[in-house]
């Protein structure tokens, strides 16, 4: 039997929750098949099976946060006996073996004057419970080890599980993730209908309740007409949108931003783009390459605020913003100072494909030292961007637009582009930012690629 574990998703990720299972128990799987997807703070990541066979047991249900490297499923041969599931703890201990047969309900016991003894521990530490009780416990989301059995010798029977589920407090019928979302969204869990095992409230149930408009009671005539607040809908926050909001607010209110804008002639960049052989670099990749080259000469811009010091970084990790339907993500080109233009192109192309296919892992989008945000494709002429901390600067790129410019006393039509640098004044002085921008423009206009 092969153990499928929640993979190590990156150095900064210690736990995650499964969003959904793509395969169900009893399905055939091959190594490399997508088994389930997990949600981190910035992306939903598809996880592949590390073995071939039959998905014999799912050990972790959606919306339950577990540490990385937790065993979440078992894959083996169709007739291979399952191991003792109690070793995996939690819901797994309450699961019934695929080969276990339901046994008849225990016969009614004569009334006893004394309270039944607690169930003795079975081999391996599991509570003694009938297979039917274990199956019902899994359906109702009840831990049989917490039940005092009323069967022979304190054995937990089906009726004990049903009674425990009926008397369980609401907190036991809500996943931890659903509880947190309810608190953040102000959802009254008493009004939420659970769709999980035994009516357990899942994150999706809370999200659905948060997005459902609350019926409004018409005010009494004496109170006058209610103000017209307009019609619309409430869009629940995704984990990605929530983290974007938190980090952007933190950056804006902690880092004193200031802005420098320069106009750049993109004639040489256009020519260089057409001259590349074997690959076709985008304008964004040309700018990424030029930024890495400029940062090598200006380490004070490739720096971080460290409270009692400023850390100037030798390695240049370029983040570049990519828009997704669920929000914004910033893949990182690592060690860009060592890459050619073709190397930047290949790395950026691979990261964009992974981002759009939900394949990025946290190491792909953490650890940037400088960020580029390009809205030129949306027809934006110029904008200012919020610094992506812990970076100390971010470069905002507008569209390339042909316009008349004066060169040597003559009027010429040239492809021009605006660049705006947002800087953290705690780290980068205005003169240093201006010199960096001037050198960056020189690299682009001279076509030093």
Protein backbone atom coordinates (compact mmCIF):
# COMPACT_ATOMS: atom_id res chain seq x y z
CA UNK A 1 0.00 0.00 0.00
CA UNK A 2 1.45 3.34 -1.06
CA UNK A 3 0.96 6.42 1.10
CA UNK A 4 0.03 9.62 -0.76
CA UNK A 5 1.26 12.62 1.19
CA UNK A 6 0.42 16.32 1.06
CA UNK A 7 3.54 17.53 -0.79
CA UNK A 8 6.04 20.06 0.47
CA UNK A 9 4.61 23.11 -1.30
CA UNK A 10 7.42 25.53 -0.54
CA UNK A 11 9.69 26.63 2.26
CA UNK A 12 7.12 29.12 3.56
CA UNK A 13 4.13 26.73 3.59
CA UNK A 14 3.61 24.60 6.70
CA UNK A 15 -0.01 23.53 6.20
CA UNK A 16 -2.72 23.62 3.55
CA UNK A 17 -6.24 22.39 2.93
CA UNK A 18 -7.48 20.15 0.13
CA UNK A 19 -9.96 21.94 -2.13
CA UNK A 20 -11.30 18.89 -3.93
CA UNK A 21 -10.50 15.31 -4.82
CA UNK A 22 -10.31 14.61 -8.56
CA UNK A 23 -10.50 10.86 -7.96
CA UNK A 24 -12.78 8.91 -5.64
CA UNK A 25 -12.22 5.74 -3.63
CA UNK A 26 -12.18 2.75 -5.94
CA UNK A 27 -10.95 4.75 -8.98
CA UNK A 28 -7.92 3.52 -10.88
CA UNK A 29 -5.03 5.98 -10.84
CA UNK A 30 -1.69 6.16 -12.61
CA UNK A 31 1.44 7.82 -11.36
CA UNK A 32 1.26 11.45 -12.49
CA UNK A 33 -2.55 11.64 -12.51
CA UNK A 34 -3.97 14.67 -10.72
CA UNK A 35 -5.42 13.31 -7.48
CA UNK A 36 -6.46 16.47 -5.63
CA UNK A 37 -5.94 20.22 -5.48
CA UNK A 38 -4.83 22.23 -2.46
CA UNK A 39 -5.21 25.89 -1.55
CA UNK A 40 -2.28 27.96 -0.34
CA UNK A 41 -2.37 31.68 0.42
CA UNK A 42 -1.88 32.66 -3.24
CA UNK A 43 -2.83 29.79 -5.52
CA UNK A 44 -4.74 26.57 -5.96
CA UNK A 45 -2.25 23.83 -6.78
CA UNK A 46 -2.95 20.47 -8.41
CA UNK A 47 -1.17 17.53 -6.80
CA UNK A 48 -0.31 14.34 -8.68
CA UNK A 49 -0.36 10.74 -7.58
CA UNK A 50 3.05 9.35 -6.71
CA UNK A 51 1.93 5.76 -7.35
CA UNK A 52 -0.21 3.67 -9.69
CA UNK A 53 -3.04 1.39 -8.61
CA UNK A 54 -6.46 1.92 -7.07
CA UNK A 55 -7.35 4.80 -4.75
CA UNK A 56 -8.25 2.62 -1.77
CA UNK A 57 -8.79 5.23 0.94
CA UNK A 58 -9.15 9.02 1.24
CA UNK A 59 -7.88 10.00 4.69
CA UNK A 60 -8.31 13.80 4.62
CA UNK A 61 -11.51 15.50 3.52
CA UNK A 62 -11.71 18.94 1.79
CA UNK A 63 -11.50 22.14 3.86
CA UNK A 64 -9.46 20.53 6.64
CA UNK A 65 -6.05 22.13 7.16
CA UNK A 66 -3.28 19.61 7.74
CA UNK A 67 0.53 19.91 7.91
CA UNK A 68 2.56 19.23 4.79
CA UNK A 69 3.73 15.61 4.40
CA UNK A 70 0.54 14.37 6.10
CA UNK A 71 -0.68 11.09 4.59
CA UNK A 72 -3.91 12.03 2.80
CA UNK A 73 -4.71 8.85 0.86
CA UNK A 74 -3.73 5.25 0.24
CA UNK A 75 -3.15 3.71 -3.19
CA UNK A 76 -2.69 -0.02 -3.72
CA UNK A 77 -4.01 -3.10 -5.44
CA UNK A 78 -7.77 -3.60 -5.61
CA UNK A 79 -7.68 -6.67 -3.31
CA UNK A 80 -4.84 -5.56 -1.07
CA UNK A 81 -5.83 -5.41 2.62
CA UNK A 82 -5.91 -1.93 4.11
CA UNK A 83 -3.55 -1.27 7.01
CA UNK A 84 -4.84 -0.29 10.46
CA UNK A 85 -6.28 3.17 9.75
CA UNK A 86 -6.04 4.33 13.36
CA UNK A 87 -2.33 4.98 12.81
CA UNK A 88 -3.29 7.94 10.61
CA UNK A 89 -5.43 9.53 13.33
CA UNK A 90 -8.45 11.84 13.02
CA UNK A 91 -11.10 10.83 10.50
CA UNK A 92 -8.96 7.93 9.35
CA UNK A 93 -9.40 6.23 12.71
CA UNK A 94 -13.15 6.40 12.25
CA UNK A 95 -13.06 5.00 8.75
CA UNK A 96 -14.19 1.53 7.96
CA UNK A 97 -12.05 -0.80 5.90
CA UNK A 98 -13.17 -1.31 2.32
CA UNK A 99 -13.22 -5.04 3.05
CA UNK A 100 -15.03 -4.81 6.36
CA UNK A 101 -18.52 -6.24 6.41
CA UNK A 102 -21.37 -4.59 8.28
CA UNK A 103 -22.41 -6.65 11.27
CA UNK A 104 -25.92 -6.96 12.68
CA UNK A 105 -26.87 -4.46 15.29
CA UNK A 106 -26.21 -5.71 18.79
CA UNK A 107 -29.13 -7.21 20.59
CA UNK A 108 -30.78 -4.99 23.21
CA UNK A 109 -29.09 -5.32 26.55
CA UNK A 110 -30.92 -5.69 29.84
CA UNK A 111 -31.17 -2.53 31.86
CA UNK A 112 -28.16 -2.06 34.08
CA UNK A 113 -28.01 -0.22 37.33
CA UNK A 114 -24.49 0.89 36.67
CA UNK A 115 -22.97 3.03 33.92
CA UNK A 116 -21.32 0.93 31.19
CA UNK A 117 -17.56 0.79 31.38
CA UNK A 118 -15.59 2.82 28.89
CA UNK A 119 -14.61 1.02 25.74
CA UNK A 120 -11.27 -0.75 26.10
CA UNK A 121 -8.51 0.16 23.69
CA UNK A 122 -8.17 -2.20 20.77
CA UNK A 123 -4.90 -3.27 19.26
CA UNK A 124 -3.08 -0.30 17.85
CA UNK A 125 -4.86 2.13 20.20
CA UNK A 126 -8.23 2.26 18.38
CA UNK A 127 -11.48 2.33 20.35
CA UNK A 128 -13.47 -0.94 20.20
CA UNK A 129 -16.37 -0.22 17.86
CA UNK A 130 -18.51 -2.28 15.56
CA UNK A 131 -17.90 -1.90 11.80
CA UNK A 132 -21.41 -0.47 11.45
CA UNK A 133 -20.62 2.10 14.17
CA UNK A 134 -17.40 3.06 12.44
CA UNK A 135 -19.19 3.52 9.16
CA UNK A 136 -21.87 5.68 10.77
CA UNK A 137 -19.18 7.68 12.59
CA UNK A 138 -17.50 8.47 9.27
CA UNK A 139 -20.83 9.55 7.76
CA UNK A 140 -21.66 11.83 10.69
CA UNK A 141 -18.17 13.19 11.29
CA UNK A 142 -18.00 11.77 14.82
CA UNK A 143 -14.86 10.48 16.56
CA UNK A 144 -15.80 7.06 18.04
CA UNK A 145 -12.85 7.18 20.44
CA UNK A 146 -14.68 9.93 22.36
CA UNK A 147 -17.82 7.82 22.88
CA UNK A 148 -18.60 5.65 25.89
CA UNK A 149 -20.01 2.51 24.29
CA UNK A 150 -23.17 0.78 25.48
CA UNK A 151 -22.50 -2.52 23.76
CA UNK A 152 -20.96 -5.64 25.23
CA UNK A 153 -17.86 -4.80 27.29
CA UNK A 154 -18.33 -1.12 26.47
CA UNK A 155 -18.17 -1.58 22.72
CA UNK A 156 -19.37 1.39 20.65
CA UNK A 157 -22.41 0.51 18.56
CA UNK A 158 -24.30 2.41 15.88
CA UNK A 159 -26.89 3.82 18.30
CA UNK A 160 -24.09 5.35 20.41
CA UNK A 161 -22.69 7.17 17.38
CA UNK A 162 -26.10 8.55 16.37
CA UNK A 163 -26.76 9.77 19.91
CA UNK A 164 -23.31 11.42 20.07
CA UNK A 165 -23.87 13.19 16.75
CA UNK A 166 -27.25 14.50 17.89
CA UNK A 167 -25.82 15.92 21.11
CA UNK A 168 -22.60 17.30 19.63
CA UNK A 169 -22.15 21.08 19.93
CA UNK A 170 -22.25 23.06 16.72
CA UNK A 171 -18.46 23.58 16.79
CA UNK A 172 -18.02 19.80 16.29
CA UNK A 173 -20.13 19.99 13.13
CA UNK A 174 -18.07 22.75 11.47
CA UNK A 175 -14.67 22.38 9.81
CA UNK A 176 -11.97 24.71 11.17
CA UNK A 177 -11.68 26.45 7.80
CA UNK A 178 -15.45 27.02 7.64
CA UNK A 179 -15.38 28.42 11.18
CA UNK A 180 -12.69 30.98 10.25
CA UNK A 181 -14.47 32.02 7.05
CA UNK A 182 -17.73 32.47 8.99
CA UNK A 183 -15.99 34.73 11.51
CA UNK A 184 -14.40 36.83 8.77
CA UNK A 185 -17.60 37.14 6.73
CA UNK A 186 -19.91 37.63 9.71
CA UNK A 187 -22.01 34.56 8.85
CA UNK A 188 -24.25 33.09 11.54
CA UNK A 189 -23.51 29.36 11.42
CA UNK A 190 -26.91 28.60 12.88
CA UNK A 191 -28.41 29.66 9.56
CA UNK A 192 -26.06 27.55 7.40
CA UNK A 193 -27.10 24.17 6.02
CA UNK A 194 -24.10 21.83 5.98
CA UNK A 195 -23.43 19.60 2.98
CA UNK A 196 -20.53 17.64 4.45
CA UNK A 197 -20.65 14.19 6.05
CA UNK A 198 -23.58 14.03 8.47
CA UNK A 199 -24.54 17.61 7.65
CA UNK A 200 -21.14 19.00 8.63
CA UNK A 201 -20.69 22.64 7.60
CA UNK A 202 -17.90 23.04 5.04
CA UNK A 203 -16.15 26.15 3.76
CA UNK A 204 -18.22 26.09 0.57
CA UNK A 205 -21.42 26.19 2.63
CA UNK A 206 -20.29 29.34 4.46
CA UNK A 207 -19.11 30.98 1.24
CA UNK A 208 -22.48 30.25 -0.37
CA UNK A 209 -24.31 31.70 2.62
CA UNK A 210 -22.14 34.83 2.57
CA UNK A 211 -22.92 35.43 -1.09
CA UNK A 212 -26.68 34.95 -0.68
CA UNK A 213 -28.44 38.29 -0.13
CA UNK A 214 -30.16 38.56 3.24
CA UNK A 215 -33.90 39.20 2.86
CA UNK A 216 -34.74 42.75 3.83
CA UNK A 217 -37.77 43.48 5.98
CA UNK A 218 -39.76 46.46 4.75
CA UNK A 219 -39.66 49.29 7.33
CA UNK A 220 -42.83 50.57 8.92
CA UNK A 221 -44.54 53.38 7.03
CA UNK A 222 -43.90 55.80 9.87
CA UNK A 223 -40.18 55.26 9.53
CA UNK A 224 -40.18 56.65 6.00
CA UNK A 225 -38.77 55.01 2.85
CA UNK A 226 -35.57 53.03 3.10
CA UNK A 227 -32.56 54.66 1.43
CA UNK A 228 -31.80 53.36 -2.05
CA UNK A 229 -28.47 51.59 -1.68
CA UNK A 230 -28.55 50.19 -5.20
CA UNK A 231 -28.75 46.59 -6.34
CA UNK A 232 -25.81 44.26 -6.66
CA UNK A 233 -24.29 41.11 -5.31
CA UNK A 234 -21.77 40.21 -2.65
CA UNK A 235 -18.65 38.46 -3.91
CA UNK A 236 -16.95 36.31 -1.26
CA UNK A 237 -13.23 36.79 -0.86
CA UNK A 238 -11.03 34.07 -2.26
CA UNK A 239 -7.89 33.21 -0.25
CA UNK A 240 -5.85 34.90 -2.99
CA UNK A 241 -7.92 38.10 -2.90
CA UNK A 242 -7.74 38.21 0.90
CA UNK A 243 -3.96 37.93 0.99
CA UNK A 244 -3.62 40.57 -1.77
CA UNK A 245 -5.76 42.95 0.30
CA UNK A 246 -3.78 42.32 3.48
CA UNK A 247 -0.36 42.74 1.90
CA UNK A 248 -1.17 45.76 -0.23
CA UNK A 249 -2.72 47.57 2.74
CA UNK A 250 0.27 46.71 4.88
CA UNK A 251 2.68 47.97 2.21
CA UNK A 252 0.84 51.22 1.56
CA UNK A 253 0.54 52.10 5.25
CA UNK A 254 4.07 51.11 6.33
CA UNK A 255 6.31 52.07 3.40
CA UNK A 256 6.47 55.80 2.50
CA UNK A 257 5.94 55.62 -1.27
CA UNK A 258 7.18 58.18 -3.78
CA UNK A 259 7.14 58.02 -7.58
CA UNK A 260 9.42 58.83 -10.51
CA UNK A 261 8.21 58.68 -14.12
CA UNK A 262 10.33 58.62 -17.29
CA UNK A 263 9.38 58.32 -20.96
CA UNK A 264 11.37 55.78 -22.98
CA UNK A 265 11.90 55.50 -26.72
CA UNK A 266 11.26 51.84 -27.59
CA UNK A 267 12.68 51.96 -31.13
CA UNK A 268 15.82 49.97 -30.26
CA UNK A 269 13.80 47.51 -28.19
CA UNK A 270 11.48 46.90 -31.15
CA UNK A 271 14.44 46.26 -33.41
CA UNK A 272 16.05 43.90 -30.89
CA UNK A 273 12.80 41.99 -30.55
CA UNK A 274 12.64 41.43 -34.31
CA UNK A 275 16.30 40.44 -34.48
CA UNK A 276 16.16 37.60 -31.94
CA UNK A 277 16.63 34.17 -33.49
CA UNK A 278 15.21 30.89 -32.21
CA UNK A 279 12.80 32.65 -29.85
CA UNK A 280 10.71 35.80 -29.80
CA UNK A 281 11.04 37.86 -26.65
CA UNK A 282 8.10 39.97 -25.56
CA UNK A 283 8.54 43.63 -24.69
CA UNK A 284 7.94 42.68 -21.06
CA UNK A 285 10.81 40.19 -21.17
CA UNK A 286 13.09 42.82 -22.73
CA UNK A 287 12.20 45.16 -19.87
CA UNK A 288 12.82 42.39 -17.31
CA UNK A 289 16.27 41.78 -18.78
CA UNK A 290 17.08 45.51 -18.84
CA UNK A 291 15.92 45.89 -15.21
CA UNK A 292 18.21 43.06 -14.09
CA UNK A 293 21.11 44.73 -15.87
CA UNK A 294 20.34 48.10 -14.27
CA UNK A 295 19.96 46.57 -10.81
CA UNK A 296 23.45 45.09 -11.03
CA UNK A 297 24.76 48.67 -11.17
CA UNK A 298 22.38 49.91 -8.45
CA UNK A 299 22.38 47.45 -5.51
CA UNK A 300 20.76 50.09 -3.30
CA UNK A 301 17.55 49.59 -5.30
CA UNK A 302 17.73 45.79 -5.00
CA UNK A 303 17.42 46.10 -1.23
CA UNK A 304 15.15 45.51 1.77
CA UNK A 305 14.29 47.39 4.93
CA UNK A 306 15.41 45.37 7.98
CA UNK A 307 14.25 47.64 10.83
CA UNK A 308 17.76 48.32 12.17
CA UNK A 309 19.58 48.06 8.84
CA UNK A 310 19.17 47.99 5.05
CA UNK A 311 20.00 44.70 3.35
CA UNK A 312 21.47 45.18 -0.15
CA UNK A 313 21.04 41.88 -1.98
CA UNK A 314 23.55 40.34 -4.37
CA UNK A 315 21.06 38.02 -6.07
CA UNK A 316 18.36 39.57 -8.26
CA UNK A 317 15.01 37.76 -8.14
CA UNK A 318 12.60 39.53 -10.48
CA UNK A 319 8.89 39.27 -9.78
CA UNK A 320 6.47 40.09 -12.58
CA UNK A 321 2.72 40.45 -12.12
CA UNK A 322 0.42 37.99 -13.91
CA UNK A 323 -3.35 38.49 -13.88
CA UNK A 324 -5.51 35.42 -13.22
CA UNK A 325 -9.32 35.10 -12.98
CA UNK A 326 -8.96 34.71 -9.20
CA UNK A 327 -6.59 37.66 -8.72
CA UNK A 328 -2.99 38.70 -9.19
CA UNK A 329 0.06 36.52 -8.72
CA UNK A 330 3.73 37.42 -9.03
CA UNK A 331 5.96 34.60 -10.35
CA UNK A 332 9.67 35.09 -9.69
CA UNK A 333 12.59 34.77 -12.12
CA UNK A 334 15.40 33.73 -9.80
CA UNK A 335 19.00 34.86 -10.26
CA UNK A 336 18.06 37.05 -13.21
CA UNK A 337 21.52 38.65 -13.03
CA UNK A 338 22.92 35.44 -14.57
CA UNK A 339 20.40 35.09 -17.42
CA UNK A 340 20.60 36.12 -21.05
CA UNK A 341 17.56 37.59 -22.79
CA UNK A 342 16.74 34.10 -24.06
CA UNK A 343 17.07 32.75 -20.52
CA UNK A 344 14.66 35.39 -19.22
CA UNK A 345 12.25 34.52 -22.05
CA UNK A 346 12.35 30.77 -21.34
CA UNK A 347 11.93 31.19 -17.59
CA UNK A 348 9.11 33.74 -17.87
CA UNK A 349 7.25 31.65 -20.46
CA UNK A 350 7.39 28.55 -18.23
CA UNK A 351 6.23 30.46 -15.14
CA UNK A 352 3.30 32.08 -16.97
CA UNK A 353 2.16 28.66 -18.23
CA UNK A 354 2.36 27.22 -14.72
CA UNK A 355 0.45 30.20 -13.30
CA UNK A 356 -2.41 29.89 -15.80
CA UNK A 357 -2.62 26.13 -15.31
CA UNK A 358 -2.61 26.37 -11.52
CA UNK A 359 0.74 24.58 -11.29
CA UNK A 360 2.77 27.21 -9.41
CA UNK A 361 4.18 26.17 -6.06
CA UNK A 362 5.04 28.77 -3.40
CA UNK A 363 8.74 28.72 -4.29
CA UNK A 364 7.71 29.94 -7.76
CA UNK A 365 6.14 33.14 -6.41
CA UNK A 366 8.00 34.01 -3.21
CA UNK A 367 11.36 35.63 -2.55
CA UNK A 368 11.35 38.42 -5.15
CA UNK A 369 13.72 41.36 -4.66
CA UNK A 370 12.19 43.69 -7.29
CA UNK A 371 8.85 43.62 -9.12
CA UNK A 372 7.58 44.73 -12.56
CA UNK A 373 3.87 45.34 -13.23
CA UNK A 374 2.93 45.86 -16.88
CA UNK A 375 -0.56 47.10 -17.83
CA UNK A 376 0.38 48.16 -21.33
CA UNK A 377 -1.62 45.31 -22.85
CA UNK A 378 -4.76 46.88 -21.35
CA UNK A 379 -4.18 50.22 -23.07
CA UNK A 380 -2.95 51.96 -19.90
CA UNK A 381 -0.64 54.90 -20.61
CA UNK A 382 0.73 55.36 -17.09
CA UNK A 383 0.01 54.24 -13.52
CA UNK A 384 1.60 53.93 -10.10
CA UNK A 385 1.93 50.55 -8.38
CA UNK A 386 2.01 49.59 -4.70
CA UNK A 387 5.32 48.09 -3.58
CA UNK A 388 5.29 44.31 -3.23
CA UNK A 389 6.96 43.99 0.16
CA UNK A 390 9.54 43.04 1.26
CA UNK A 391 10.76 44.65 -1.97
CA UNK A 392 11.65 48.32 -1.78
CA UNK A 393 10.58 49.24 -5.31
CA UNK A 394 8.20 48.26 -8.10
CA UNK A 395 8.27 49.38 -11.74
CA UNK A 396 4.95 50.18 -13.45
CA UNK A 397 4.95 49.87 -17.25
CA UNK A 398 2.44 51.55 -19.57
CA UNK A 399 1.63 50.87 -23.21
CA UNK A 400 3.87 51.62 -26.15
CA UNK A 401 2.32 54.40 -28.18
CA UNK A 402 3.52 56.13 -31.32
CA UNK A 403 3.74 59.88 -30.80
CA UNK A 404 5.66 62.88 -32.18
CA UNK A 405 8.92 63.64 -30.39
CA UNK A 406 11.60 66.26 -31.00
CA UNK A 407 15.01 64.80 -31.87
CA UNK A 408 17.89 67.10 -32.87
CA UNK A 409 15.45 69.88 -33.66
CA UNK A 410 13.29 67.73 -35.89
CA UNK A 411 9.91 66.13 -35.26
CA UNK A 412 9.83 62.33 -35.50
CA UNK A 413 7.21 59.65 -34.83
CA UNK A 414 8.56 57.19 -32.26
CA UNK A 415 7.14 54.33 -30.14
CA UNK A 416 7.19 55.81 -26.64
CA UNK A 417 6.48 54.18 -23.28
CA UNK A 418 6.07 55.51 -19.75
CA UNK A 419 7.80 53.85 -16.79
CA UNK A 420 6.98 54.79 -13.19
CA UNK A 421 9.10 53.62 -10.27
CA UNK A 422 7.46 53.40 -6.85
CA UNK A 423 10.13 53.46 -4.12
CA UNK A 424 10.25 53.03 -0.36
CA UNK A 425 11.84 56.26 0.91
CA UNK A 426 13.17 54.46 3.99
CA UNK A 427 15.51 52.51 1.70
CA UNK A 428 15.95 54.43 -1.57
CA UNK A 429 16.66 58.15 -1.77
CA UNK A 430 15.16 60.14 -4.62
CA UNK A 431 18.50 60.73 -6.31
CA UNK A 432 19.32 57.01 -6.26
CA UNK A 433 15.94 56.14 -7.78
CA UNK A 434 16.36 58.83 -10.46
CA UNK A 435 19.82 57.53 -11.40
CA UNK A 436 18.53 53.97 -11.61
CA UNK A 437 15.71 55.06 -13.92
CA UNK A 438 18.07 57.08 -16.10
CA UNK A 439 20.40 54.09 -16.52
CA UNK A 440 17.47 51.78 -17.22
CA UNK A 441 16.25 54.10 -19.95
CA UNK A 442 19.76 54.22 -21.44
CA UNK A 443 19.96 50.42 -21.58
CA UNK A 444 16.59 50.19 -23.34
CA UNK A 445 17.16 53.05 -25.76
CA UNK A 446 20.62 51.83 -26.76
CA UNK A 447 19.35 48.28 -27.25
CA UNK A 448 21.91 46.77 -24.88
CA UNK A 449 20.30 43.34 -24.82
